[in-house]
Amino acid sequence: RSLYFSTRVDKLAALHPEVEVLHELG
């Protein structure tokens, strides 16, 4: 069955600076 893990938040925030929640997660 399907399973996923998230990309490091700092890398993701650099890709998507407009997504506010990424800056809240740490």
PDB file of all heavy atoms in Angstrom:
ATOM      1  N   ARG A   1       0.844  -1.205   0.000  1.00  0.00           N
ATOM      2  CA  ARG A   1       0.000   0.000   0.000  1.00  0.00           C
ATOM      3  C   ARG A   1       0.873   1.248   0.000  1.00  0.00           C
ATOM      4  O   ARG A   1       2.025   1.238   0.423  1.00  0.00           O
ATOM      5  CB  ARG A   1      -0.927   0.001   1.221  1.00  0.00           C
ATOM      6  CG  ARG A   1      -1.855  -1.193   1.301  1.00  0.00           C
ATOM      7  CD  ARG A   1      -2.751  -1.295   0.093  1.00  0.00           C
ATOM      8  NE  ARG A   1      -3.627  -2.456   0.182  1.00  0.00           N
ATOM      9  CZ  ARG A   1      -4.275  -2.997  -0.840  1.00  0.00           C
ATOM     10  NH1 ARG A   1      -4.130  -2.499  -2.056  1.00  0.00           N
ATOM     11  NH2 ARG A   1      -5.052  -4.051  -0.667  1.00  0.00           N
ATOM     12  N   SER A   2       0.286   2.341  -0.448  1.00  0.00           N
ATOM     13  CA  SER A   2       1.037   3.588  -0.635  1.00  0.00           C
ATOM     14  C   SER A   2       1.554   4.140   0.689  1.00  0.00           C
ATOM     15  O   SER A   2       0.924   4.005   1.738  1.00  0.00           O
ATOM     16  CB  SER A   2       0.151   4.636  -1.316  1.00  0.00           C
ATOM     17  OG  SER A   2      -1.007   4.894  -0.544  1.00  0.00           O
ATOM     18  N   LEU A   3       2.739   4.769   0.619  1.00  0.00           N
ATOM     19  CA  LEU A   3       3.337   5.407   1.786  1.00  0.00           C
ATOM     20  C   LEU A   3       4.321   6.474   1.309  1.00  0.00           C
ATOM     21  O   LEU A   3       5.105   6.231   0.383  1.00  0.00           O
ATOM     22  CB  LEU A   3       4.057   4.385   2.659  1.00  0.00           C
ATOM     23  CG  LEU A   3       4.505   4.879   4.041  1.00  0.00           C
ATOM     24  CD1 LEU A   3       3.296   5.243   4.896  1.00  0.00           C
ATOM     25  CD2 LEU A   3       5.348   3.829   4.760  1.00  0.00           C
ATOM     26  N   TYR A   4       4.278   7.638   1.959  1.00  0.00           N
ATOM     27  CA  TYR A   4       5.101   8.783   1.558  1.00  0.00           C
ATOM     28  C   TYR A   4       5.721   9.436   2.782  1.00  0.00           C
ATOM     29  O   TYR A   4       5.151   9.407   3.884  1.00  0.00           O
ATOM     30  CB  TYR A   4       4.239   9.831   0.828  1.00  0.00           C
ATOM     31  CG  TYR A   4       3.690   9.353  -0.488  1.00  0.00           C
ATOM     32  CD1 TYR A   4       2.531   8.585  -0.532  1.00  0.00           C
ATOM     33  CD2 TYR A   4       4.331   9.655  -1.690  1.00  0.00           C
ATOM     34  CE1 TYR A   4       2.014   8.130  -1.738  1.00  0.00           C
ATOM     35  CE2 TYR A   4       3.823   9.211  -2.901  1.00  0.00           C
ATOM     36  CZ  TYR A   4       2.671   8.448  -2.918  1.00  0.00           C
ATOM     37  OH  TYR A   4       2.177   7.998  -4.123  1.00  0.00           O
ATOM     38  N   PHE A   5       6.892  10.042   2.586  1.00  0.00           N
ATOM     39  CA  PHE A   5       7.486  10.872   3.623  1.00  0.00           C
ATOM     40  C   PHE A   5       7.726  12.270   3.054  1.00  0.00           C
ATOM     41  O   PHE A   5       7.894  12.443   1.843  1.00  0.00           O
ATOM     42  CB  PHE A   5       8.786  10.262   4.162  1.00  0.00           C
ATOM     43  CG  PHE A   5       9.919  10.186   3.159  1.00  0.00           C
ATOM     44  CD1 PHE A   5      10.874  11.198   3.090  1.00  0.00           C
ATOM     45  CD2 PHE A   5      10.042   9.103   2.303  1.00  0.00           C
ATOM     46  CE1 PHE A   5      11.921  11.124   2.179  1.00  0.00           C
ATOM     47  CE2 PHE A   5      11.090   9.022   1.389  1.00  0.00           C
ATOM     48  CZ  PHE A   5      12.030  10.037   1.330  1.00  0.00           C
ATOM     49  N   SER A   6       7.747  13.237   3.950  1.00  0.00           N
ATOM     50  CA  SER A   6       7.848  14.632   3.518  1.00  0.00           C
ATOM     51  C   SER A   6       9.298  15.038   3.276  1.00  0.00           C
ATOM     52  O   SER A   6      10.229  14.550   3.928  1.00  0.00           O
ATOM     53  CB  SER A   6       7.225  15.561   4.562  1.00  0.00           C
ATOM     54  OG  SER A   6       7.893  15.435   5.811  1.00  0.00           O
ATOM     55  N   THR A   7       9.473  15.952   2.342  1.00  0.00           N
ATOM     56  CA  THR A   7      10.766  16.587   2.101  1.00  0.00           C
ATOM     57  C   THR A   7      11.126  17.475   3.295  1.00  0.00           C
ATOM     58  O   THR A   7      10.239  17.981   3.997  1.00  0.00           O
ATOM     59  CB  THR A   7      10.684  17.433   0.815  1.00  0.00           C
ATOM     60  OG1 THR A   7      10.391  16.556  -0.280  1.00  0.00           O
ATOM     61  CG2 THR A   7      11.972  18.173   0.534  1.00  0.00           C
ATOM     62  N   ARG A   8      12.400  17.645   3.549  1.00  0.00           N
ATOM     63  CA  ARG A   8      12.830  18.543   4.625  1.00  0.00           C
ATOM     64  C   ARG A   8      12.146  19.897   4.476  1.00  0.00           C
ATOM     65  O   ARG A   8      12.080  20.474   3.381  1.00  0.00           O
ATOM     66  CB  ARG A   8      14.340  18.738   4.601  1.00  0.00           C
ATOM     67  CG  ARG A   8      15.142  17.603   5.215  1.00  0.00           C
ATOM     68  CD  ARG A   8      16.636  17.896   5.108  1.00  0.00           C
ATOM     69  NE  ARG A   8      16.956  19.192   5.696  1.00  0.00           N
ATOM     70  CZ  ARG A   8      17.449  19.360   6.926  1.00  0.00           C
ATOM     71  NH1 ARG A   8      17.659  18.317   7.685  1.00  0.00           N
ATOM     72  NH2 ARG A   8      17.736  20.562   7.373  1.00  0.00           N
ATOM     73  N   VAL A   9      11.638  20.394   5.588  1.00  0.00           N
ATOM     74  CA  VAL A   9      10.831  21.607   5.544  1.00  0.00           C
ATOM     75  C   VAL A   9      11.636  22.812   5.073  1.00  0.00           C
ATOM     76  O   VAL A   9      11.119  23.663   4.332  1.00  0.00           O
ATOM     77  CB  VAL A   9      10.199  21.876   6.927  1.00  0.00           C
ATOM     78  CG1 VAL A   9       9.541  23.251   6.964  1.00  0.00           C
ATOM     79  CG2 VAL A   9       9.174  20.791   7.242  1.00  0.00           C
ATOM     80  N   ASP A  10      12.924  22.918   5.452  1.00  0.00           N
ATOM     81  CA  ASP A  10      13.694  24.075   5.014  1.00  0.00           C
ATOM     82  C   ASP A  10      13.859  24.085   3.495  1.00  0.00           C
ATOM     83  O   ASP A  10      13.775  25.140   2.846  1.00  0.00           O
ATOM     84  CB  ASP A  10      15.052  24.130   5.724  1.00  0.00           C
ATOM     85  CG  ASP A  10      15.852  22.845   5.594  1.00  0.00           C
ATOM     86  OD1 ASP A  10      15.279  21.819   5.153  1.00  0.00           O
ATOM     87  OD2 ASP A  10      17.050  22.854   5.937  1.00  0.00           O
ATOM     88  N   LYS A  11      14.070  22.912   2.899  1.00  0.00           N
ATOM     89  CA  LYS A  11      14.161  22.831   1.437  1.00  0.00           C
ATOM     90  C   LYS A  11      12.833  23.152   0.785  1.00  0.00           C
ATOM     91  O   LYS A  11      12.770  23.834  -0.248  1.00  0.00           O
ATOM     92  CB  LYS A  11      14.633  21.437   1.022  1.00  0.00           C
ATOM     93  CG  LYS A  11      16.045  21.097   1.454  1.00  0.00           C
ATOM     94  CD  LYS A  11      16.439  19.707   0.975  1.00  0.00           C
ATOM     95  CE  LYS A  11      17.868  19.373   1.385  1.00  0.00           C
ATOM     96  NZ  LYS A  11      18.259  17.997   0.949  1.00  0.00           N
ATOM     97  N   LEU A  12      11.760  22.675   1.381  1.00  0.00           N
ATOM     98  CA  LEU A  12      10.438  22.906   0.822  1.00  0.00           C
ATOM     99  C   LEU A  12      10.028  24.376   0.931  1.00  0.00           C
ATOM    100  O   LEU A  12       9.426  24.943   0.020  1.00  0.00           O
ATOM    101  CB  LEU A  12       9.421  22.024   1.537  1.00  0.00           C
ATOM    102  CG  LEU A  12       8.117  21.724   0.808  1.00  0.00           C
ATOM    103  CD1 LEU A  12       8.352  21.169  -0.580  1.00  0.00           C
ATOM    104  CD2 LEU A  12       7.273  20.782   1.647  1.00  0.00           C
ATOM    105  N   ALA A  13      10.381  25.011   2.051  1.00  0.00           N
ATOM    106  CA  ALA A  13      10.076  26.429   2.220  1.00  0.00           C
ATOM    107  C   ALA A  13      10.819  27.286   1.206  1.00  0.00           C
ATOM    108  O   ALA A  13      10.301  28.305   0.743  1.00  0.00           O
ATOM    109  CB  ALA A  13      10.419  26.866   3.647  1.00  0.00           C
ATOM    110  N   ALA A  14      12.022  26.862   0.841  1.00  0.00           N
ATOM    111  CA  ALA A  14      12.769  27.596  -0.192  1.00  0.00           C
ATOM    112  C   ALA A  14      12.101  27.465  -1.557  1.00  0.00           C
ATOM    113  O   ALA A  14      12.120  28.403  -2.359  1.00  0.00           O
ATOM    114  CB  ALA A  14      14.201  27.080  -0.253  1.00  0.00           C
ATOM    115  N   LEU A  15      11.502  26.297  -1.811  1.00  0.00           N
ATOM    116  CA  LEU A  15      10.787  26.090  -3.072  1.00  0.00           C
ATOM    117  C   LEU A  15       9.454  26.821  -3.114  1.00  0.00           C
ATOM    118  O   LEU A  15       9.011  27.259  -4.175  1.00  0.00           O
ATOM    119  CB  LEU A  15      10.539  24.589  -3.288  1.00  0.00           C
ATOM    120  CG  LEU A  15      11.727  23.708  -3.661  1.00  0.00           C
ATOM    121  CD1 LEU A  15      11.316  22.243  -3.653  1.00  0.00           C
ATOM    122  CD2 LEU A  15      12.269  24.098  -5.035  1.00  0.00           C
ATOM    123  N   HIS A  16       8.813  26.937  -1.943  1.00  0.00           N
ATOM    124  CA  HIS A  16       7.461  27.510  -1.870  1.00  0.00           C
ATOM    125  C   HIS A  16       7.392  28.551  -0.752  1.00  0.00           C
ATOM    126  O   HIS A  16       6.735  28.344   0.274  1.00  0.00           O
ATOM    127  CB  HIS A  16       6.429  26.410  -1.620  1.00  0.00           C
ATOM    128  CG  HIS A  16       6.399  25.358  -2.674  1.00  0.00           C
ATOM    129  ND1 HIS A  16       5.752  25.519  -3.874  1.00  0.00           N
ATOM    130  CD2 HIS A  16       6.958  24.114  -2.706  1.00  0.00           C
ATOM    131  CE1 HIS A  16       5.890  24.427  -4.613  1.00  0.00           C
ATOM    132  NE2 HIS A  16       6.624  23.571  -3.930  1.00  0.00           N
ATOM    133  N   PRO A  17       8.067  29.678  -0.915  1.00  0.00           N
ATOM    134  CA  PRO A  17       8.058  30.700   0.152  1.00  0.00           C
ATOM    135  C   PRO A  17       6.678  31.274   0.420  1.00  0.00           C
ATOM    136  O   PRO A  17       6.447  31.857   1.487  1.00  0.00           O
ATOM    137  CB  PRO A  17       9.019  31.770  -0.395  1.00  0.00           C
ATOM    138  CG  PRO A  17       9.033  31.562  -1.873  1.00  0.00           C
ATOM    139  CD  PRO A  17       8.864  30.088  -2.078  1.00  0.00           C
ATOM    140  N   GLU A  18       5.754  31.093  -0.512  1.00  0.00           N
ATOM    141  CA  GLU A  18       4.407  31.644  -0.344  1.00  0.00           C
ATOM    142  C   GLU A  18       3.530  30.809   0.590  1.00  0.00           C
ATOM    143  O   GLU A  18       2.465  31.258   1.033  1.00  0.00           O
ATOM    144  CB  GLU A  18       3.720  31.758  -1.718  1.00  0.00           C
ATOM    145  CG  GLU A  18       3.208  30.450  -2.319  1.00  0.00           C
ATOM    146  CD  GLU A  18       4.308  29.553  -2.892  1.00  0.00           C
ATOM    147  OE1 GLU A  18       5.497  29.957  -2.863  1.00  0.00           O
ATOM    148  OE2 GLU A  18       3.980  28.453  -3.360  1.00  0.00           O
ATOM    149  N   VAL A  19       3.960  29.586   0.921  1.00  0.00           N
ATOM    150  CA  VAL A  19       3.153  28.698   1.769  1.00  0.00           C
ATOM    151  C   VAL A  19       3.506  28.966   3.232  1.00  0.00           C
ATOM    152  O   VAL A  19       4.539  28.524   3.738  1.00  0.00           O
ATOM    153  CB  VAL A  19       3.388  27.223   1.400  1.00  0.00           C
ATOM    154  CG1 VAL A  19       2.526  26.314   2.280  1.00  0.00           C
ATOM    155  CG2 VAL A  19       3.074  26.983  -0.080  1.00  0.00           C
ATOM    156  N   GLU A  20       2.649  29.698   3.922  1.00  0.00           N
ATOM    157  CA  GLU A  20       2.948  30.190   5.264  1.00  0.00           C
ATOM    158  C   GLU A  20       3.185  29.063   6.274  1.00  0.00           C
ATOM    159  O   GLU A  20       4.056  29.165   7.143  1.00  0.00           O
ATOM    160  CB  GLU A  20       1.811  31.085   5.755  1.00  0.00           C
ATOM    161  CG  GLU A  20       1.669  32.392   4.966  1.00  0.00           C
ATOM    162  CD  GLU A  20       0.552  33.256   5.527  1.00  0.00           C
ATOM    163  OE1 GLU A  20      -0.003  32.888   6.582  1.00  0.00           O
ATOM    164  OE2 GLU A  20       0.243  34.289   4.904  1.00  0.00           O
ATOM    165  N   VAL A  21       2.426  27.982   6.157  1.00  0.00           N
ATOM    166  CA  VAL A  21       2.519  26.923   7.163  1.00  0.00           C
ATOM    167  C   VAL A  21       3.918  26.306   7.209  1.00  0.00           C
ATOM    168  O   VAL A  21       4.370  25.850   8.263  1.00  0.00           O
ATOM    169  CB  VAL A  21       1.460  25.831   6.903  1.00  0.00           C
ATOM    170  CG1 VAL A  21       1.747  25.072   5.607  1.00  0.00           C
ATOM    171  CG2 VAL A  21       1.365  24.876   8.085  1.00  0.00           C
ATOM    172  N   LEU A  22       4.638  26.346   6.101  1.00  0.00           N
ATOM    173  CA  LEU A  22       5.979  25.769   6.072  1.00  0.00           C
ATOM    174  C   LEU A  22       6.940  26.520   6.983  1.00  0.00           C
ATOM    175  O   LEU A  22       7.899  25.947   7.497  1.00  0.00           O
ATOM    176  CB  LEU A  22       6.519  25.757   4.640  1.00  0.00           C
ATOM    177  CG  LEU A  22       5.749  24.890   3.649  1.00  0.00           C
ATOM    178  CD1 LEU A  22       6.334  25.037   2.253  1.00  0.00           C
ATOM    179  CD2 LEU A  22       5.762  23.425   4.070  1.00  0.00           C
ATOM    180  N   HIS A  23       6.682  27.798   7.194  1.00  0.00           N
ATOM    181  CA  HIS A  23       7.544  28.612   8.054  1.00  0.00           C
ATOM    182  C   HIS A  23       7.181  28.448   9.531  1.00  0.00           C
ATOM    183  O   HIS A  23       7.917  28.888  10.411  1.00  0.00           O
ATOM    184  CB  HIS A  23       7.458  30.080   7.632  1.00  0.00           C
ATOM    185  CG  HIS A  23       7.826  30.294   6.188  1.00  0.00           C
ATOM    186  ND1 HIS A  23       9.127  30.321   5.745  1.00  0.00           N
ATOM    187  CD2 HIS A  23       7.046  30.459   5.093  1.00  0.00           C
ATOM    188  CE1 HIS A  23       9.145  30.513   4.439  1.00  0.00           C
ATOM    189  NE2 HIS A  23       7.900  30.592   4.010  1.00  0.00           N
ATOM    190  N   GLU A  24       6.040  27.813   9.791  1.00  0.00           N
ATOM    191  CA  GLU A  24       5.598  27.590  11.167  1.00  0.00           C
ATOM    192  C   GLU A  24       6.074  26.245  11.716  1.00  0.00           C
ATOM    193  O   GLU A  24       6.148  26.060  12.932  1.00  0.00           O
ATOM    194  CB  GLU A  24       4.065  27.628  11.232  1.00  0.00           C
ATOM    195  CG  GLU A  24       3.445  28.947  10.761  1.00  0.00           C
ATOM    196  CD  GLU A  24       1.937  28.842  10.629  1.00  0.00           C
ATOM    197  OE1 GLU A  24       1.377  27.793  11.025  1.00  0.00           O
ATOM    198  OE2 GLU A  24       1.314  29.793  10.110  1.00  0.00           O
ATOM    199  N   LEU A  25       6.411  25.309  10.841  1.00  0.00           N
ATOM    200  CA  LEU A  25       6.666  23.939  11.270  1.00  0.00           C
ATOM    201  C   LEU A  25       8.032  23.740  11.904  1.00  0.00           C
ATOM    202  O   LEU A  25       8.202  22.894  12.774  1.00  0.00           O
ATOM    203  CB  LEU A  25       6.507  22.984  10.081  1.00  0.00           C
ATOM    204  CG  LEU A  25       5.093  22.824   9.537  1.00  0.00           C
ATOM    205  CD1 LEU A  25       5.113  21.955   8.282  1.00  0.00           C
ATOM    206  CD2 LEU A  25       4.181  22.205  10.588  1.00  0.00           C
ATOM    207  N   GLY A  26       9.044  24.458  11.455  1.00  0.00           N
ATOM    208  CA  GLY A  26      10.394  24.241  11.960  1.00  0.00           C
ATOM    209  C   GLY A  26      11.129  23.210  11.128  1.00  0.00           C
ATOM    210  O   GLY A  26      10.526  22.340  10.488  1.00  0.00           O
TER     211      GLY A  26
END
